[in-house]
Protein backbone atom coordinates (compact mmCIF):
# COMPACT_ATOMS: atom_id res chain seq x y z
CA UNK A 1 -5.27 -2.73 45.43
CA UNK A 2 -7.12 -4.16 42.42
CA UNK A 3 -10.88 -3.99 42.20
CA UNK A 4 -13.17 -6.03 39.97
CA UNK A 5 -13.32 -3.00 37.66
CA UNK A 6 -9.53 -3.13 37.12
CA UNK A 7 -9.54 -6.71 35.87
CA UNK A 8 -10.84 -8.08 32.60
CA UNK A 9 -12.78 -11.35 32.69
CA UNK A 10 -11.07 -14.17 30.82
CA UNK A 11 -14.09 -14.88 28.65
CA UNK A 12 -14.04 -11.50 26.91
CA UNK A 13 -12.58 -11.74 23.43
CA UNK A 14 -10.35 -8.81 22.67
CA UNK A 15 -10.82 -7.29 19.22
CA UNK A 16 -8.12 -7.92 16.67
CA UNK A 17 -5.70 -5.02 16.40
CA UNK A 18 -6.32 -2.65 13.52
CA UNK A 19 -4.07 -3.28 10.56
CA UNK A 20 -2.74 0.19 10.21
CA UNK A 21 -3.56 3.64 9.05
CA UNK A 22 -4.83 3.76 5.48
CA UNK A 23 -2.92 5.93 3.04
CA UNK A 24 -4.72 9.19 2.32
CA UNK A 25 -5.29 9.43 -1.41
CA UNK A 26 -5.11 12.88 -2.98
CA UNK A 27 -7.14 14.05 -5.95
CA UNK A 28 -5.25 14.40 -9.23
CA UNK A 29 -4.51 18.02 -10.09
CA UNK A 30 -5.58 19.45 -13.45
CA UNK A 31 -3.00 19.59 -16.16
CA UNK A 32 -1.10 17.23 -18.37
CA UNK A 33 -0.53 13.63 -17.36
CA UNK A 34 3.14 12.69 -17.24
CA UNK A 35 4.35 9.13 -17.71
CA UNK A 36 7.37 6.93 -17.93
CA UNK A 37 8.06 3.22 -18.22
CA UNK A 38 10.32 0.81 -16.40
CA UNK A 39 11.36 -2.79 -16.83
CA UNK A 40 10.30 -5.14 -14.04
CA UNK A 41 9.98 -8.87 -13.38
CA UNK A 42 6.33 -8.47 -14.45
CA UNK A 43 7.25 -6.90 -17.77
CA UNK A 44 7.28 -3.24 -18.72
CA UNK A 45 5.34 -1.09 -16.24
CA UNK A 46 3.80 2.23 -17.22
CA UNK A 47 3.84 4.80 -14.41
CA UNK A 48 1.89 8.03 -14.65
CA UNK A 49 0.80 10.97 -12.59
CA UNK A 50 0.10 14.67 -12.43
CA UNK A 51 3.67 15.75 -11.66
CA UNK A 52 3.02 15.92 -7.92
CA UNK A 53 1.59 12.47 -7.16
CA UNK A 54 1.49 9.03 -8.72
CA UNK A 55 -1.79 8.30 -10.47
CA UNK A 56 -1.13 4.81 -11.77
CA UNK A 57 1.15 1.84 -12.26
CA UNK A 58 -0.02 -0.29 -15.15
CA UNK A 59 1.21 -3.81 -15.78
CA UNK A 60 1.40 -5.19 -19.32
CA UNK A 61 -1.90 -6.33 -20.78
CA UNK A 62 -2.85 -9.92 -19.89
CA UNK A 63 -3.18 -10.88 -23.53
CA UNK A 64 0.29 -9.55 -24.40
CA UNK A 65 -0.96 -6.60 -26.44
CA UNK A 66 1.29 -3.56 -26.42
CA UNK A 67 0.09 -0.81 -24.08
CA UNK A 68 -0.56 2.58 -25.69
CA UNK A 69 -0.87 5.75 -23.67
CA UNK A 70 -3.15 8.60 -24.70
CA UNK A 71 -1.55 10.95 -27.22
CA UNK A 72 -1.82 13.98 -24.92
CA UNK A 73 0.32 12.39 -22.17
CA UNK A 74 3.83 13.78 -21.80
CA UNK A 75 6.70 11.31 -21.59
CA UNK A 76 9.27 11.99 -18.87
CA UNK A 77 12.63 10.35 -18.53
CA UNK A 78 11.88 9.34 -14.93
CA UNK A 79 15.13 10.85 -13.58
CA UNK A 80 13.49 13.27 -11.13
CA UNK A 81 10.23 13.82 -9.31
CA UNK A 82 7.52 11.44 -8.17
CA UNK A 83 7.93 9.08 -11.13
CA UNK A 84 11.65 8.68 -10.35
CA UNK A 85 10.80 8.05 -6.70
CA UNK A 86 8.26 5.43 -7.74
CA UNK A 87 10.79 3.67 -9.97
CA UNK A 88 13.38 3.63 -7.16
CA UNK A 89 10.88 2.22 -4.67
CA UNK A 90 9.48 -0.37 -7.11
CA UNK A 91 13.01 -1.62 -7.87
CA UNK A 92 13.69 -1.96 -4.14
CA UNK A 93 10.37 -3.80 -3.72
CA UNK A 94 11.21 -6.29 -6.47
CA UNK A 95 14.59 -7.04 -4.88
CA UNK A 96 12.97 -7.58 -1.48
CA UNK A 97 14.54 -4.48 0.08
CA UNK A 98 11.28 -2.49 0.45
CA UNK A 99 8.00 -3.52 2.04
CA UNK A 100 6.19 -0.21 2.47
CA UNK A 101 5.92 2.41 -0.25
CA UNK A 102 6.12 6.08 0.66
CA UNK A 103 4.78 8.06 -2.27
CA UNK A 104 2.08 10.69 -2.76
CA UNK A 105 -0.82 8.94 -4.50
CA UNK A 106 -3.60 10.56 -6.53
CA UNK A 107 -5.62 7.96 -8.42
CA UNK A 108 -8.67 9.10 -10.37
CA UNK A 109 -11.84 7.32 -9.28
CA UNK A 110 -15.18 7.57 -7.54
CA UNK A 111 -15.40 8.20 -3.80
CA UNK A 112 -16.30 4.52 -3.28
CA UNK A 113 -13.35 3.28 -5.33
CA UNK A 114 -10.98 5.59 -3.50
CA UNK A 115 -12.32 4.34 -0.14
CA UNK A 116 -11.64 0.75 -1.18
CA UNK A 117 -8.20 1.60 -2.59
CA UNK A 118 -7.29 3.37 0.63
CA UNK A 119 -8.39 0.28 2.60
CA UNK A 120 -6.13 -1.89 0.43
CA UNK A 121 -3.12 0.02 1.72
CA UNK A 122 -3.75 -1.38 5.22
CA UNK A 123 -3.09 -4.98 4.14
CA UNK A 124 0.47 -5.64 5.33
CA UNK A 125 3.26 -6.93 3.13
CA UNK A 126 3.16 -10.72 2.99
CA UNK A 127 -0.47 -10.96 4.15
CA UNK A 128 -3.79 -11.28 2.36
CA UNK A 129 -7.40 -10.30 2.99
CA UNK A 130 -10.74 -11.34 1.53
CA UNK A 131 -13.28 -9.12 -0.20
CA UNK A 132 -15.78 -9.64 2.63
CA UNK A 133 -13.16 -8.79 5.22
CA UNK A 134 -12.40 -5.49 3.49
CA UNK A 135 -16.12 -4.75 3.14
CA UNK A 136 -16.59 -5.21 6.89
CA UNK A 137 -13.56 -3.06 7.67
CA UNK A 138 -14.90 -0.12 5.70
CA UNK A 139 -18.30 -0.46 7.35
CA UNK A 140 -20.17 -2.04 4.41
CA UNK A 141 -20.37 -5.75 5.36
CA UNK A 142 -22.70 -6.68 2.51
CA UNK A 143 -20.65 -4.94 -0.18
CA UNK A 144 -18.03 -7.61 -0.90
CA UNK A 145 -18.97 -7.75 -4.58
CA UNK A 146 -18.70 -3.95 -4.87
CA UNK A 147 -15.32 -4.13 -3.09
CA UNK A 148 -14.23 -6.67 -5.71
CA UNK A 149 -15.30 -4.41 -8.56
CA UNK A 150 -13.46 -1.41 -7.08
CA UNK A 151 -10.41 -3.59 -6.40
CA UNK A 152 -10.36 -4.61 -10.06
CA UNK A 153 -10.27 -0.96 -11.14
CA UNK A 154 -7.31 -0.01 -8.94
CA UNK A 155 -4.99 1.99 -11.22
CA UNK A 156 -1.96 1.89 -8.90
CA UNK A 157 -1.17 -1.81 -8.95
CA UNK A 158 1.56 -3.19 -6.67
CA UNK A 159 1.82 0.04 -4.63
CA UNK A 160 -1.88 -0.06 -3.71
CA UNK A 161 -1.76 -3.81 -3.16
CA UNK A 162 -4.87 -5.19 -4.85
CA UNK A 163 -2.87 -8.40 -5.44
CA UNK A 164 -3.20 -9.13 -1.69
CA UNK A 165 -6.98 -9.65 -1.96
CA UNK A 166 -8.07 -13.27 -2.32
CA UNK A 167 -11.32 -15.21 -2.37
CA UNK A 168 -13.13 -16.14 0.86
CA UNK A 169 -11.96 -19.74 0.45
CA UNK A 170 -8.32 -18.68 0.10
CA UNK A 171 -8.14 -19.10 -3.67
CA UNK A 172 -6.60 -16.57 -5.99
CA UNK A 173 -9.22 -14.54 -7.77
CA UNK A 174 -8.94 -12.25 -10.77
CA UNK A 175 -6.16 -9.74 -11.15
CA UNK A 176 -6.08 -7.10 -13.89
CA UNK A 177 -2.45 -8.01 -14.63
CA UNK A 178 -3.23 -11.73 -14.81
CA UNK A 179 -3.13 -14.47 -12.18
CA UNK A 180 0.48 -15.37 -13.01
CA UNK A 181 1.57 -11.88 -11.97
CA UNK A 182 -0.57 -12.05 -8.83
CA UNK A 183 1.08 -15.38 -7.92
CA UNK A 184 4.50 -13.85 -8.53
CA UNK A 185 3.81 -10.85 -6.26
CA UNK A 186 2.38 -12.98 -3.45
CA UNK A 187 5.33 -15.41 -3.68
CA UNK A 188 7.79 -12.49 -3.66
CA UNK A 189 6.19 -11.14 -0.51
CA UNK A 190 5.91 -14.52 1.22
CA UNK A 191 9.66 -15.07 0.74
CA UNK A 192 10.41 -11.64 2.22
CA UNK A 193 7.87 -11.73 5.05
């Protein structure tokens, strides 16, 4: 037999389901940075990390300048290890075969930046979120501008999907790789969603 306690009133608004579990970001380990490059529909990407986790995916510069890596970085062929895994998964993403990346991630950044970057990983493939929405989700509802600044410093583009963050009015806002690349990524995901 049901009691009044067993039933929910119809005028109670249920909270929206949580988007998902954020990816736990590791700290980069000391030692040499390893890197490789790969061709992509966005141009040549530079992937780098500490040998155990991916630390960054850099798109070509917006102004077309050639990207130079620091002289102490060690070039790898990208045939094995985390960089090879990242290349494989990025290729599958660009062909529409992969929606969720599964890689160890270790971006260098402040605690705040890393909190924002982790929150970005909860935005599902084919969806977008606003800066204010992310700020509320991480418990800092008045920090939308700070979320935007951290978003703009995300070193692991595409995989940590900063391209999925848009303005409150639904417009595309800045993207370190350029708005054309952001449009491309969002269109790619909308076709596959």
